[in-house]
Protein backbone atom coordinates (compact mmCIF):
# COMPACT_ATOMS: atom_id res chain seq x y z
CA MET A 1 -25.30 49.19 11.80
CA ASN A 2 -21.87 50.55 10.92
CA THR A 3 -20.50 49.29 14.26
CA ILE A 4 -21.73 45.75 13.51
CA GLY A 5 -20.30 45.83 10.02
CA ALA A 6 -16.94 47.10 11.29
CA THR A 7 -16.86 44.38 13.99
CA ALA A 8 -17.66 41.64 11.45
CA GLN A 9 -14.94 42.95 9.13
CA ALA A 10 -12.42 43.06 11.96
CA THR A 11 -13.22 39.47 13.12
CA THR A 12 -13.25 37.97 9.59
CA PRO A 13 -9.63 36.97 8.73
CA SER A 14 -8.34 38.21 5.44
CA LEU A 15 -7.16 35.78 2.75
CA TRP A 16 -3.53 36.74 3.45
CA SER A 17 -3.82 36.21 7.23
CA SER A 18 -5.56 32.86 6.65
CA LEU A 19 -2.76 31.86 4.25
CA ARG A 20 -0.12 32.71 6.85
CA GLU A 21 -2.06 30.79 9.51
CA ALA A 22 -2.33 27.73 7.21
CA LEU A 23 1.44 27.76 6.53
CA ARG A 24 2.41 28.46 10.19
CA GLY A 25 0.00 25.86 11.59
CA SER A 26 -3.60 26.67 12.56
CA HIS A 27 -5.03 26.53 16.07
CA GLN A 28 -8.59 26.22 14.76
CA ASP A 29 -10.92 23.45 15.83
CA PHE A 30 -11.88 21.90 12.52
CA THR A 31 -15.07 20.52 13.90
CA ALA A 32 -16.60 23.96 14.40
CA GLY A 33 -16.65 27.38 12.69
CA ASN A 34 -16.61 28.36 9.04
CA LEU A 35 -16.37 25.22 6.90
CA ASN A 36 -14.71 26.98 3.91
CA ARG A 37 -12.04 28.32 6.21
CA ALA A 38 -11.46 24.92 7.77
CA ILE A 39 -11.03 23.40 4.27
CA PHE A 40 -8.62 26.22 3.34
CA LEU A 41 -6.48 25.92 6.48
CA LEU A 42 -6.13 22.13 6.05
CA ALA A 43 -5.91 22.01 2.29
CA VAL A 44 -3.19 24.69 1.68
CA PRO A 45 -0.36 22.93 3.57
CA MET A 46 -1.53 19.51 2.34
CA VAL A 47 -1.59 20.72 -1.31
CA LEU A 48 1.87 22.36 -0.89
CA GLU A 49 3.17 19.23 0.73
CA MET A 50 2.08 17.12 -2.22
CA ALA A 51 3.14 19.83 -4.71
CA LEU A 52 6.77 19.60 -3.62
CA GLU A 53 6.58 15.77 -3.76
CA SER A 54 5.22 16.08 -7.30
CA LEU A 55 7.91 18.59 -8.21
CA PHE A 56 10.55 16.10 -7.13
CA ALA A 57 9.02 13.42 -9.29
CA VAL A 58 9.21 15.69 -12.34
CA VAL A 59 12.68 17.04 -11.63
CA ASP A 60 13.95 13.51 -11.00
CA ILE A 61 12.85 12.25 -14.38
CA LEU A 62 14.11 15.43 -15.95
CA TRP A 63 17.65 14.59 -14.90
CA VAL A 64 17.28 10.82 -15.58
CA GLY A 65 15.80 11.65 -18.97
CA ARG A 66 19.24 12.89 -20.06
CA LEU A 67 20.67 9.38 -19.57
CA GLY A 68 18.62 7.76 -22.34
CA ALA A 69 15.60 5.51 -22.79
CA ASN A 70 17.02 2.60 -20.81
CA ALA A 71 17.53 4.73 -17.73
CA ILE A 72 14.01 6.17 -18.03
CA ALA A 73 12.60 2.66 -18.53
CA THR A 74 14.48 1.49 -15.40
CA VAL A 75 12.74 4.21 -13.39
CA GLY A 76 9.38 3.29 -14.85
CA LEU A 77 9.74 -0.50 -14.20
CA THR A 78 11.10 0.06 -10.66
CA GLU A 79 8.43 2.49 -9.65
CA SER A 80 5.72 0.17 -10.88
CA MET A 81 7.10 -2.39 -8.38
CA LEU A 82 7.52 0.32 -5.66
CA SER A 83 3.85 0.98 -6.10
CA LEU A 84 3.21 -2.15 -4.05
CA VAL A 85 5.11 -0.49 -1.15
CA PHE A 86 3.09 2.64 -1.78
CA ALA A 87 -0.07 0.49 -1.51
CA ILE A 88 1.03 -0.84 1.90
CA GLY A 89 2.19 2.62 3.01
CA LEU A 90 -1.05 4.34 1.89
CA GLY A 91 -3.19 1.54 3.36
CA LEU A 92 -1.52 1.94 6.75
CA SER A 93 -1.54 5.76 6.42
CA LEU A 94 -5.28 6.07 5.71
CA SER A 95 -6.21 3.92 8.70
CA THR A 96 -3.75 5.86 10.85
CA THR A 97 -5.16 9.19 9.69
CA ALA A 98 -8.71 7.95 10.35
CA MET A 99 -7.92 6.66 13.84
CA VAL A 100 -5.90 9.63 14.95
CA ALA A 101 -8.43 12.11 13.51
CA ARG A 102 -11.29 10.30 15.27
CA ARG A 103 -9.50 10.46 18.64
CA ILE A 104 -8.66 14.14 18.08
CA GLY A 105 -12.35 14.81 17.28
CA GLU A 106 -13.26 13.12 20.53
CA LYS A 107 -10.68 15.35 22.37
CA ASP A 108 -8.65 12.25 23.33
CA ALA A 109 -5.04 13.38 22.75
CA SER A 110 -3.62 10.38 24.67
CA GLY A 111 -5.59 7.94 22.56
CA ALA A 112 -4.29 9.65 19.41
CA ALA A 113 -0.72 9.29 20.55
CA VAL A 114 -1.22 5.59 21.42
CA SER A 115 -2.64 5.01 17.95
CA ALA A 116 0.35 6.78 16.46
CA VAL A 117 2.81 4.56 18.26
CA GLN A 118 1.03 1.35 17.13
CA ALA A 119 1.11 2.57 13.56
CA ILE A 120 4.84 3.27 13.65
CA ALA A 121 5.56 -0.13 15.19
CA LEU A 122 3.53 -1.85 12.46
CA GLY A 123 5.34 0.26 9.83
CA LEU A 124 8.76 -0.68 11.08
CA ALA A 125 7.93 -4.42 10.96
CA VAL A 126 6.55 -4.17 7.48
CA SER A 127 9.61 -2.17 6.31
CA VAL A 128 12.00 -4.99 7.33
CA ALA A 129 9.75 -7.67 5.82
CA ILE A 130 9.65 -5.93 2.43
CA GLY A 131 13.13 -4.33 2.24
CA VAL A 132 15.32 -7.45 2.87
CA PRO A 133 13.94 -9.65 0.06
CA CYS A 134 13.88 -6.74 -2.34
CA LEU A 135 17.52 -5.93 -1.61
CA ILE A 136 18.50 -9.49 -2.49
CA PHE A 137 16.32 -10.15 -5.52
CA ALA A 138 16.11 -6.68 -7.11
CA PRO A 139 17.81 -7.52 -10.44
CA LYS A 140 15.56 -10.56 -10.89
CA LEU A 141 12.54 -8.49 -10.18
CA LEU A 142 13.58 -5.97 -12.80
CA ALA A 143 13.95 -8.73 -15.41
CA ILE A 144 10.55 -10.27 -14.43
CA MET A 145 8.90 -6.96 -15.07
CA GLY A 146 10.08 -7.11 -18.71
CA GLY A 147 13.38 -5.27 -18.44
CA SER A 148 15.83 -6.23 -21.21
CA ALA A 149 19.44 -7.30 -20.48
CA GLU A 150 20.53 -3.73 -21.16
CA ILE A 151 18.00 -2.25 -18.77
CA VAL A 152 18.97 -4.70 -16.02
CA ALA A 153 22.69 -3.87 -16.53
CA VAL A 154 21.96 -0.14 -16.29
CA GLY A 155 19.40 -0.23 -13.55
CA ALA A 156 20.05 -3.10 -11.18
CA SER A 157 21.72 -0.92 -8.51
CA TYR A 158 18.99 1.68 -8.86
CA THR A 159 16.30 -0.93 -8.29
CA ARG A 160 18.15 -2.48 -5.38
CA ILE A 161 18.47 0.82 -3.50
CA VAL A 162 14.93 1.98 -4.25
CA LEU A 163 13.21 -1.31 -3.33
CA GLY A 164 15.60 -2.33 -0.60
CA GLY A 165 15.31 1.02 1.10
CA SER A 166 11.58 1.34 0.53
CA GLY A 167 10.92 1.31 4.28
CA VAL A 168 11.85 5.01 4.45
CA VAL A 169 9.07 5.79 1.92
CA LEU A 170 6.59 3.83 4.05
CA LEU A 171 7.62 5.52 7.28
CA LEU A 172 7.62 8.96 5.67
CA PHE A 173 3.99 8.42 4.52
CA LEU A 174 2.98 6.88 7.84
CA ASN A 175 4.38 9.58 10.12
CA ASN A 176 2.92 12.37 8.01
CA ALA A 177 -0.44 10.62 8.15
CA ILE A 178 -0.25 10.97 11.95
CA PHE A 179 0.30 14.70 11.73
CA ARG A 180 -2.52 15.08 9.12
CA GLY A 181 -4.98 13.14 11.26
CA ALA A 182 -4.12 15.37 14.20
CA GLY A 183 -4.75 18.42 12.02
CA ASP A 184 -1.08 19.42 12.01
CA ALA A 185 -0.99 19.72 8.23
CA ALA A 186 1.60 22.53 8.25
CA ILE A 187 4.03 20.26 10.12
CA ALA A 188 3.50 17.41 7.65
CA MET A 189 4.16 19.89 4.87
CA ARG A 190 7.43 21.15 6.29
CA LEU A 191 8.66 17.65 6.98
CA LEU A 192 8.16 16.59 3.38
CA TRP A 193 9.75 19.84 2.17
CA VAL A 194 12.91 19.06 4.17
CA SER A 195 13.11 15.60 2.61
CA ASN A 196 12.44 16.64 -0.95
CA VAL A 197 14.67 19.75 -0.92
CA ILE A 198 17.56 17.42 -0.03
CA ASN A 199 16.48 15.16 -2.85
CA LEU A 200 16.44 17.97 -5.37
CA ALA A 201 19.87 19.23 -4.31
CA LEU A 202 21.55 15.86 -4.45
CA ASP A 203 19.94 14.55 -7.63
CA PRO A 204 22.06 16.28 -10.27
CA CYS A 205 25.15 16.05 -8.11
CA LEU A 206 25.05 12.28 -7.81
CA ILE A 207 23.66 11.54 -11.24
CA PHE A 208 26.23 13.57 -13.18
CA GLY A 209 29.10 13.72 -10.64
CA LEU A 210 29.08 17.46 -10.07
CA GLY A 211 31.91 18.89 -7.84
CA PRO A 212 33.18 16.34 -5.29
CA PHE A 213 30.36 13.88 -5.87
CA PRO A 214 30.88 10.64 -7.79
CA ARG A 215 29.09 10.12 -11.16
CA LEU A 216 26.55 7.36 -10.40
CA GLY A 217 24.21 7.75 -13.31
CA VAL A 218 20.67 6.56 -12.69
CA THR A 219 21.87 4.98 -9.41
CA GLY A 220 22.57 8.49 -8.13
CA ALA A 221 18.83 9.27 -8.30
CA ALA A 222 18.16 6.37 -5.95
CA VAL A 223 20.90 7.35 -3.49
CA SER A 224 19.65 10.99 -3.32
CA THR A 225 16.06 9.89 -2.78
CA PHE A 226 17.02 7.46 -0.06
CA THR A 227 19.20 10.04 1.73
CA GLY A 228 16.60 12.82 1.62
CA ARG A 229 13.75 10.64 2.83
CA SER A 230 15.76 9.05 5.59
CA ILE A 231 16.63 12.48 7.00
CA GLY A 232 12.94 13.41 6.72
CA VAL A 233 11.92 10.32 8.72
CA LEU A 234 14.46 11.16 11.51
CA TYR A 235 12.99 14.65 11.69
CA GLN A 236 9.48 13.21 11.91
CA PHE A 237 10.42 11.10 14.89
CA TYR A 238 11.98 14.13 16.56
CA ARG A 239 8.83 16.22 16.09
CA LEU A 240 6.55 13.48 17.45
CA LEU A 241 8.69 13.09 20.62
CA ARG A 242 9.08 16.85 21.08
CA GLY A 243 5.36 17.27 20.57
CA THR A 244 3.02 19.72 18.85
CA GLU A 245 -0.04 21.58 19.98
CA ARG A 246 -2.24 18.73 18.87
CA ILE A 247 -0.26 15.54 19.38
CA ARG A 248 2.76 14.35 21.39
CA VAL A 249 4.17 10.91 22.04
CA PHE A 250 5.44 10.46 25.60
CA SER A 251 8.10 7.89 26.61
CA HIS A 252 5.56 5.81 28.62
CA GLN A 253 3.46 5.39 25.43
CA LEU A 254 6.33 3.76 23.48
CA ARG A 255 4.97 0.22 23.86
CA VAL A 256 2.73 -2.15 22.05
CA ASN A 257 -0.99 -1.83 22.86
CA VAL A 258 -2.49 -5.08 21.56
CA ARG A 259 -6.07 -3.83 21.51
CA VAL A 260 -5.33 -0.70 19.49
CA MET A 261 -2.83 -2.55 17.25
CA LEU A 262 -5.42 -5.19 16.32
CA ARG A 263 -7.98 -2.47 15.58
CA LEU A 264 -5.49 -0.62 13.40
CA MET A 265 -4.52 -3.88 11.57
CA ARG A 266 -8.16 -4.65 10.88
CA VAL A 267 -8.78 -1.32 9.21
CA SER A 268 -5.32 -1.31 7.57
CA LEU A 269 -5.69 -4.73 5.92
CA THR A 270 -8.61 -3.65 3.74
CA GLY A 271 -6.86 -0.32 3.18
CA ILE A 272 -3.75 -2.07 1.98
CA LEU A 273 -5.81 -4.31 -0.23
CA GLN A 274 -7.56 -1.20 -1.58
CA PHE A 275 -4.33 0.38 -2.71
CA ALA A 276 -2.73 -2.90 -3.71
CA ILE A 277 -5.60 -3.42 -6.19
CA ALA A 278 -4.98 0.03 -7.58
CA HIS A 279 -1.23 -0.19 -7.70
CA THR A 280 -0.97 -3.73 -9.03
CA SER A 281 -3.19 -2.59 -11.89
CA TRP A 282 -0.44 -0.06 -12.72
CA ILE A 283 2.11 -2.93 -12.76
CA ALA A 284 -0.08 -4.77 -15.21
CA LEU A 285 -0.37 -1.68 -17.34
CA VAL A 286 3.37 -1.19 -17.42
CA ARG A 287 3.78 -4.85 -18.33
CA ILE A 288 1.46 -4.35 -21.30
CA VAL A 289 3.20 -1.14 -22.39
CA SER A 290 6.58 -2.89 -22.15
CA MET A 291 5.39 -5.21 -25.02
CA PHE A 292 5.90 -2.23 -27.30
CA GLY A 293 9.57 -1.60 -26.33
CA ALA A 294 11.74 0.81 -24.35
CA VAL A 295 10.55 3.84 -26.31
CA ALA A 296 6.94 3.21 -25.37
CA LEU A 297 8.03 2.71 -21.72
CA ALA A 298 10.04 5.94 -21.75
CA GLY A 299 7.15 7.97 -23.14
CA TYR A 300 4.71 6.45 -20.71
CA THR A 301 7.07 7.02 -17.75
CA ILE A 302 7.57 10.78 -18.59
CA ALA A 303 3.84 11.32 -19.08
CA ILE A 304 2.91 9.54 -15.88
CA ARG A 305 5.46 11.66 -13.92
CA ILE A 306 3.83 14.79 -15.30
CA VAL A 307 0.31 13.49 -14.39
CA ILE A 308 1.59 12.77 -10.90
CA PHE A 309 2.86 16.31 -10.77
CA VAL A 310 -0.75 17.59 -10.88
CA LEU A 311 -2.45 14.65 -9.16
CA LEU A 312 -0.41 14.82 -5.93
CA PRO A 313 -1.61 18.36 -5.07
CA SER A 314 -5.15 17.10 -5.75
CA TRP A 315 -4.37 14.21 -3.42
CA GLY A 316 -3.56 16.88 -0.82
CA LEU A 317 -7.12 18.18 -1.16
CA SER A 318 -8.41 14.68 -0.74
CA ASN A 319 -6.36 14.25 2.41
CA ALA A 320 -7.99 17.42 3.76
CA ALA A 321 -11.39 15.89 3.12
CA ALA A 322 -10.39 12.66 4.94
CA THR A 323 -9.20 14.60 8.00
CA LEU A 324 -12.35 16.68 8.10
CA VAL A 325 -14.55 13.59 7.88
CA GLY A 326 -12.61 11.77 10.60
CA GLN A 327 -12.59 14.68 13.04
CA ASN A 328 -16.20 15.70 12.47
CA LEU A 329 -17.52 12.14 12.88
CA GLY A 330 -15.56 11.99 16.14
CA ALA A 331 -17.27 15.22 17.17
CA LYS A 332 -20.68 13.78 16.18
CA GLU A 333 -21.11 16.21 13.30
CA PRO A 334 -21.83 13.90 10.26
CA GLU A 335 -23.68 16.53 8.21
CA ARG A 336 -20.65 18.89 8.45
CA ALA A 337 -18.44 15.96 7.42
CA GLU A 338 -20.59 15.32 4.31
CA LYS A 339 -20.74 18.97 3.33
CA SER A 340 -16.89 19.22 3.56
CA VAL A 341 -16.55 16.34 1.03
CA TRP A 342 -18.80 17.88 -1.55
CA ARG A 343 -17.14 21.19 -1.40
CA THR A 344 -13.63 19.74 -1.51
CA GLY A 345 -14.62 17.62 -4.54
CA PHE A 346 -15.93 20.68 -6.35
CA TYR A 347 -12.69 22.64 -5.68
CA ASN A 348 -10.65 19.64 -6.85
CA MET A 349 -12.70 19.42 -10.06
CA LEU A 350 -12.02 23.09 -10.84
CA PHE A 351 -8.27 22.60 -10.35
CA LEU A 352 -7.84 19.39 -12.30
CA GLY A 353 -10.24 20.37 -15.00
CA THR A 354 -8.24 23.48 -15.74
CA ILE A 355 -4.96 21.50 -15.75
CA GLY A 356 -6.52 18.93 -18.10
CA ILE A 357 -7.41 21.55 -20.65
CA PHE A 358 -3.86 22.94 -20.57
CA PHE A 359 -2.32 19.45 -21.10
CA ALA A 360 -4.72 18.54 -23.85
CA ILE A 361 -3.60 21.60 -25.83
CA PHE A 362 0.11 21.73 -24.96
CA ALA A 363 0.97 18.01 -24.44
CA GLY A 364 3.78 18.00 -27.09
CA PRO A 365 5.69 21.08 -25.80
CA VAL A 366 5.39 19.82 -22.20
CA ILE A 367 6.88 16.41 -23.04
CA ARG A 368 9.69 18.03 -25.02
CA LEU A 369 10.84 19.65 -21.80
CA PHE A 370 11.98 16.20 -20.68
CA THR A 371 13.30 14.55 -23.78
CA SER A 372 14.38 15.49 -27.35
CA ASP A 373 13.84 12.03 -28.77
CA PRO A 374 10.98 12.62 -31.35
CA VAL A 375 9.59 9.08 -30.99
CA VAL A 376 9.52 9.28 -27.20
CA VAL A 377 7.88 12.72 -27.52
CA ARG A 378 5.18 11.33 -29.76
CA VAL A 379 4.30 8.50 -27.34
CA GLY A 380 4.54 10.63 -24.25
CA ALA A 381 2.40 13.48 -25.73
CA SER A 382 -0.28 10.99 -26.79
CA CYS A 383 -0.34 9.49 -23.25
CA LEU A 384 -0.51 12.93 -21.52
CA ARG A 385 -3.27 14.17 -23.87
CA ILE A 386 -5.50 11.08 -23.42
CA LEU A 387 -5.05 10.95 -19.62
CA SER A 388 -5.98 14.62 -19.36
CA TYR A 389 -9.40 13.85 -20.72
CA GLY A 390 -10.18 12.02 -17.49
CA ASN A 391 -9.17 14.74 -15.04
CA ILE A 392 -12.68 15.61 -13.85
CA GLY A 393 -13.29 11.98 -13.07
CA TYR A 394 -9.97 11.71 -11.20
CA ALA A 395 -10.91 14.83 -9.19
CA TYR A 396 -14.18 13.61 -7.82
CA GLY A 397 -13.12 9.96 -7.54
CA MET A 398 -10.11 10.56 -5.31
CA VAL A 399 -12.06 12.81 -2.93
CA MET A 400 -14.98 10.43 -2.57
CA LEU A 401 -12.81 7.41 -1.92
CA GLN A 402 -10.67 9.33 0.59
CA ALA A 403 -13.86 10.44 2.39
CA PHE A 404 -14.74 6.75 2.96
CA ASN A 405 -11.22 6.12 4.25
CA GLY A 406 -11.43 9.16 6.55
CA ALA A 407 -14.54 7.63 8.07
CA GLY A 408 -12.73 4.34 8.68
CA ASP A 409 -14.74 2.60 5.90
CA THR A 410 -11.97 1.02 3.88
CA ILE A 411 -14.13 -1.77 2.48
CA THR A 412 -16.21 0.34 0.11
CA PRO A 413 -13.20 1.85 -1.74
CA THR A 414 -11.63 -1.59 -1.90
CA VAL A 415 -14.65 -3.08 -3.64
CA VAL A 416 -14.89 -0.09 -6.00
CA ASN A 417 -11.18 -0.42 -6.88
CA PHE A 418 -11.50 -4.20 -7.46
CA PHE A 419 -14.22 -3.78 -10.05
CA GLY A 420 -12.77 -0.62 -11.55
CA PHE A 421 -9.14 -1.71 -11.96
CA TRP A 422 -9.01 -5.48 -12.08
CA LEU A 423 -12.28 -6.31 -13.79
CA LEU A 424 -12.46 -3.25 -16.05
CA GLU A 425 -9.16 -1.44 -16.63
CA ILE A 426 -6.68 -4.38 -17.03
CA PRO A 427 -8.82 -6.51 -19.42
CA LEU A 428 -9.76 -3.32 -21.37
CA ALA A 429 -6.12 -2.20 -21.62
CA TYR A 430 -5.04 -5.50 -23.16
CA ALA A 431 -8.09 -5.66 -25.50
CA LEU A 432 -7.52 -2.18 -26.82
CA ALA A 433 -3.70 -2.50 -27.01
CA VAL A 434 -3.43 -5.92 -28.69
CA PRO A 435 -6.63 -7.25 -30.40
CA ALA A 436 -7.81 -3.74 -31.25
CA LYS A 437 -4.23 -2.80 -32.28
CA LEU A 438 -4.25 0.56 -30.62
CA HIS A 439 -0.94 -0.40 -29.01
CA SER A 440 0.13 1.87 -26.03
CA ASN A 441 -2.73 4.25 -26.73
CA GLY A 442 -5.18 1.49 -25.88
CA VAL A 443 -3.56 1.23 -22.42
CA PHE A 444 -3.90 5.00 -21.94
CA LEU A 445 -7.61 4.95 -22.95
CA SER A 446 -8.39 2.17 -20.49
CA ILE A 447 -7.15 4.36 -17.62
CA VAL A 448 -9.56 7.17 -18.51
CA VAL A 449 -12.51 4.74 -18.77
CA ALA A 450 -11.68 3.02 -15.47
CA GLU A 451 -11.14 6.20 -13.48
CA GLY A 452 -14.41 7.63 -14.79
CA ALA A 453 -16.27 4.48 -13.73
CA ILE A 454 -14.63 4.57 -10.26
CA ALA A 455 -15.61 8.22 -9.79
CA GLY A 456 -19.22 7.58 -10.72
CA ALA A 457 -19.44 4.57 -8.34
CA GLY A 458 -17.83 6.55 -5.53
CA VAL A 459 -20.35 9.40 -5.88
CA LEU A 460 -23.37 7.02 -5.85
CA LEU A 461 -22.12 5.12 -2.84
CA PHE A 462 -21.21 8.23 -0.93
CA ARG A 463 -24.75 9.58 -1.36
CA ARG A 464 -26.16 6.50 0.40
CA GLY A 465 -24.50 7.77 3.63
CA ARG A 466 -23.68 4.46 5.32
CA TRP A 467 -20.13 5.78 6.06
CA LYS A 468 -21.65 8.08 8.66
CA SER A 469 -22.26 5.21 11.08
CA GLN A 470 -18.76 3.67 10.74
CA GLN A 471 -17.07 2.83 14.03
CA ILE A 472 -13.25 2.78 14.46
């Protein structure tokens, strides 16, 4: 009896050893073995990957916040437009993750590499198609979004660099989606860390002109972001060609495979539409908030950056669920795939629920870390507090929808997003803000209502189980 107990204790990895394995890169087959351990080994690097990305978002607005309301508003308006690029990048990424994960689950490493190459080729073509027009028309786009003449004067160069160079964001997402789908979550984490550490170091230098660097103001934030992410993309290509334990792209695979490309495009189109629906709703919300002036925009921008700070690590958990679903469906283990989603959703709820309580209580002091303007603080604190009430809904909603995506079912989340964002959130935001005279608070309330409805629909549809028979 004692011998059996000692053996079990010796073969059960400790929390510390599991953490080191997760950070170093796990060799575990995620389609077998202890499910909690599989979630842990995938989730830790994915959460840390997104945590640094969210840290950058907060630090970036911390520096820009010292330049005044117009600079903050520039960031808010530009990023609302950049959200369309995010929609395309995330749509391509989720289909890439699903396809690579399915091939890895089937033990088809060559098929996974071919899928990766087709995804990159598609990403490069989209990057050129988006970047060139944005580079030319950036100031006009900023004005169309409701930017005043002062905002356009301050932020035109920022918008031109961010939108014109948006291809690096798309490729950064896409390449890391390949690593995540393969189960190389630790590599994806390190790649994003390289990119964002460079961002963090350059940000204050280029914004304020520290040392030998020129003082570029808000434009400096765009230059540092573009530089950091470009280096990150180059490093990603290097790692894919050098190879990892789970995936490697060989020179003979660097060609277009029409059959795989068309299959990837089919899944990606609905994925892109899914995120486009979600992100265009944010553009509409920003447009409604802009009706109440630069102060409202500034408060909203700061609060959203803080919300992103906690949502991105949660998105890391959702990515772990998507990878587990894809690999386990490939291994013909649908019940294990389902169980992984419920457990990940529960862990996400605990995390975001705790954060929500904190922000609801300390919204004012948190906003004051980023600006001393009392009016901006009031708007930002109100936004942060209201959005925090919806954290549990966000937690389950994002995991459920990513589970569908991991299975290759991008249609269900697209339909849910269409009803939740376009038919509920946007009309409700306008109704509460203007006719109901709640102003910007009405917009914030509509976000909570819509996200709660999306989470509820996601849970009900996931229970039906049709995603288990999805082919990709």
